[in-house]
């Protein structure tokens, strides 16, 4: 392997940090490079985490609402919600009970 990018394998050569300091002019802007881990800064990771948490919350609510007719979900989850719990109490009258 010659250390170059190979499109057939998609393998990139490892990046080697230079052993010398880059020149910073005293008259140029004062800047610093953000700390990152493989290009992910704390700001980008936290923004991605908040987005994924939002999507996960919506997906979880959808799953619980979608399975609300399953007796176990109705009894263990929905009946314990303070305001709307009484809506999910399903009582079968004695005349409809086959046993």
C-alpha atoms as a PDB file:
ATOM      1  CA  UNK A   1       0.000   0.000   0.000  1.00  0.00           C
ATOM      2  CA  UNK A   2       1.514   3.304  -1.068  1.00  0.00           C
ATOM      3  CA  UNK A   3      -0.288   5.461   1.535  1.00  0.00           C
ATOM      4  CA  UNK A   4      -2.705   7.080  -0.902  1.00  0.00           C
ATOM      5  CA  UNK A   5      -6.475   6.939  -1.155  1.00  0.00           C
ATOM      6  CA  UNK A   6      -7.723   3.845  -2.946  1.00  0.00           C
ATOM      7  CA  UNK A   7     -11.262   4.292  -4.346  1.00  0.00           C
ATOM      8  CA  UNK A   8     -11.765   0.550  -4.692  1.00  0.00           C
ATOM      9  CA  UNK A   9     -11.281  -0.105  -0.968  1.00  0.00           C
ATOM     10  CA  UNK A  10     -12.208   3.286   0.511  1.00  0.00           C
ATOM     11  CA  UNK A  11      -9.192   3.143   2.828  1.00  0.00           C
ATOM     12  CA  UNK A  12      -7.672   6.472   3.751  1.00  0.00           C
ATOM     13  CA  UNK A  13      -4.081   6.717   4.934  1.00  0.00           C
ATOM     14  CA  UNK A  14      -3.656   7.795   8.563  1.00  0.00           C
ATOM     15  CA  UNK A  15      -3.127  11.514   8.983  1.00  0.00           C
ATOM     16  CA  UNK A  16       0.201  12.397  10.519  1.00  0.00           C
ATOM     17  CA  UNK A  17       0.439  15.594  12.546  1.00  0.00           C
ATOM     18  CA  UNK A  18       3.348  17.811  11.524  1.00  0.00           C
ATOM     19  CA  UNK A  19       6.235  17.958  13.982  1.00  0.00           C
ATOM     20  CA  UNK A  20       6.525  21.732  13.728  1.00  0.00           C
ATOM     21  CA  UNK A  21       4.397  24.691  14.824  1.00  0.00           C
ATOM     22  CA  UNK A  22       2.662  26.617  12.079  1.00  0.00           C
ATOM     23  CA  UNK A  23       3.586  30.262  11.763  1.00  0.00           C
ATOM     24  CA  UNK A  24       1.195  32.740  13.373  1.00  0.00           C
ATOM     25  CA  UNK A  25       1.729  36.348  12.465  1.00  0.00           C
ATOM     26  CA  UNK A  26       1.615  38.778  15.407  1.00  0.00           C
ATOM     27  CA  UNK A  27      -0.444  41.096  13.190  1.00  0.00           C
ATOM     28  CA  UNK A  28      -3.004  38.513  12.124  1.00  0.00           C
ATOM     29  CA  UNK A  29      -6.216  37.538  13.888  1.00  0.00           C
ATOM     30  CA  UNK A  30      -5.945  35.733  17.198  1.00  0.00           C
ATOM     31  CA  UNK A  31      -7.616  32.377  16.660  1.00  0.00           C
ATOM     32  CA  UNK A  32      -7.586  28.949  18.194  1.00  0.00           C
ATOM     33  CA  UNK A  33      -8.602  25.599  16.775  1.00  0.00           C
ATOM     34  CA  UNK A  34     -11.561  23.993  18.534  1.00  0.00           C
ATOM     35  CA  UNK A  35     -10.951  20.738  20.339  1.00  0.00           C
ATOM     36  CA  UNK A  36     -12.412  17.863  18.375  1.00  0.00           C
ATOM     37  CA  UNK A  37     -12.451  14.125  18.164  1.00  0.00           C
ATOM     38  CA  UNK A  38     -12.186  12.963  14.568  1.00  0.00           C
ATOM     39  CA  UNK A  39     -13.862  16.175  13.420  1.00  0.00           C
ATOM     40  CA  UNK A  40     -16.725  16.127  15.936  1.00  0.00           C
ATOM     41  CA  UNK A  41     -16.733  19.166  18.214  1.00  0.00           C
ATOM     42  CA  UNK A  42     -18.659  19.344  21.478  1.00  0.00           C
ATOM     43  CA  UNK A  43     -21.176  21.715  19.884  1.00  0.00           C
ATOM     44  CA  UNK A  44     -21.889  19.408  16.943  1.00  0.00           C
ATOM     45  CA  UNK A  45     -22.173  16.324  19.186  1.00  0.00           C
ATOM     46  CA  UNK A  46     -24.554  18.083  21.582  1.00  0.00           C
ATOM     47  CA  UNK A  47     -26.691  19.359  18.688  1.00  0.00           C
ATOM     48  CA  UNK A  48     -26.843  15.854  17.197  1.00  0.00           C
ATOM     49  CA  UNK A  49     -27.679  14.394  20.621  1.00  0.00           C
ATOM     50  CA  UNK A  50     -30.573  16.812  21.128  1.00  0.00           C
ATOM     51  CA  UNK A  51     -31.943  16.030  17.662  1.00  0.00           C
ATOM     52  CA  UNK A  52     -31.708  12.275  18.227  1.00  0.00           C
ATOM     53  CA  UNK A  53     -33.311  12.637  21.666  1.00  0.00           C
ATOM     54  CA  UNK A  54     -36.242  14.498  20.109  1.00  0.00           C
ATOM     55  CA  UNK A  55     -36.743  11.875  17.426  1.00  0.00           C
ATOM     56  CA  UNK A  56     -36.412   9.107  20.031  1.00  0.00           C
ATOM     57  CA  UNK A  57     -39.018  10.716  22.275  1.00  0.00           C
ATOM     58  CA  UNK A  58     -41.481  11.059  19.423  1.00  0.00           C
ATOM     59  CA  UNK A  59     -40.834   7.474  18.303  1.00  0.00           C
ATOM     60  CA  UNK A  60     -41.342   6.200  21.858  1.00  0.00           C
ATOM     61  CA  UNK A  61     -44.619   8.085  22.267  1.00  0.00           C
ATOM     62  CA  UNK A  62     -45.785   6.775  18.884  1.00  0.00           C
ATOM     63  CA  UNK A  63     -44.942   3.190  19.888  1.00  0.00           C
ATOM     64  CA  UNK A  64     -46.821   3.460  23.190  1.00  0.00           C
ATOM     65  CA  UNK A  65     -49.815   5.115  21.510  1.00  0.00           C
ATOM     66  CA  UNK A  66     -49.774   2.594  18.634  1.00  0.00           C
ATOM     67  CA  UNK A  67     -49.797  -0.356  21.048  1.00  0.00           C
ATOM     68  CA  UNK A  68     -52.381   1.222  23.375  1.00  0.00           C
ATOM     69  CA  UNK A  69     -54.931  -1.489  22.536  1.00  0.00           C
ATOM     70  CA  UNK A  70     -52.629  -4.234  23.785  1.00  0.00           C
ATOM     71  CA  UNK A  71     -53.960  -5.103  27.254  1.00  0.00           C
ATOM     72  CA  UNK A  72     -50.545  -5.200  28.915  1.00  0.00           C
ATOM     73  CA  UNK A  73     -49.568  -1.734  27.606  1.00  0.00           C
ATOM     74  CA  UNK A  74     -52.989  -0.349  28.518  1.00  0.00           C
ATOM     75  CA  UNK A  75     -52.809  -1.683  32.075  1.00  0.00           C
ATOM     76  CA  UNK A  76     -49.116  -1.100  32.858  1.00  0.00           C
ATOM     77  CA  UNK A  77     -48.597   2.270  31.146  1.00  0.00           C
ATOM     78  CA  UNK A  78     -51.721   4.143  30.086  1.00  0.00           C
ATOM     79  CA  UNK A  79     -53.825   3.552  33.205  1.00  0.00           C
ATOM     80  CA  UNK A  80     -51.079   5.068  35.354  1.00  0.00           C
ATOM     81  CA  UNK A  81     -51.089   8.419  33.510  1.00  0.00           C
ATOM     82  CA  UNK A  82     -52.770  10.844  35.951  1.00  0.00           C
ATOM     83  CA  UNK A  83     -55.297  12.743  33.810  1.00  0.00           C
ATOM     84  CA  UNK A  84     -56.157  10.342  30.982  1.00  0.00           C
ATOM     85  CA  UNK A  85     -55.720   7.039  32.811  1.00  0.00           C
ATOM     86  CA  UNK A  86     -59.456   6.517  33.404  1.00  0.00           C
ATOM     87  CA  UNK A  87     -60.079   6.559  29.642  1.00  0.00           C
ATOM     88  CA  UNK A  88     -58.066   3.347  29.239  1.00  0.00           C
ATOM     89  CA  UNK A  89     -59.892   1.326  31.908  1.00  0.00           C
ATOM     90  CA  UNK A  90     -61.792  -1.366  29.977  1.00  0.00           C
ATOM     91  CA  UNK A  91     -64.333  -3.257  32.019  1.00  0.00           C
ATOM     92  CA  UNK A  92     -66.270  -6.075  30.379  1.00  0.00           C
ATOM     93  CA  UNK A  93     -69.903  -6.297  31.548  1.00  0.00           C
ATOM     94  CA  UNK A  94     -70.964  -9.622  33.100  1.00  0.00           C
ATOM     95  CA  UNK A  95     -73.435 -10.213  30.264  1.00  0.00           C
ATOM     96  CA  UNK A  96     -70.613 -10.116  27.674  1.00  0.00           C
ATOM     97  CA  UNK A  97     -68.296 -12.404  29.622  1.00  0.00           C
ATOM     98  CA  UNK A  98     -68.450 -15.929  28.144  1.00  0.00           C
ATOM     99  CA  UNK A  99     -67.213 -17.615  31.326  1.00  0.00           C
END
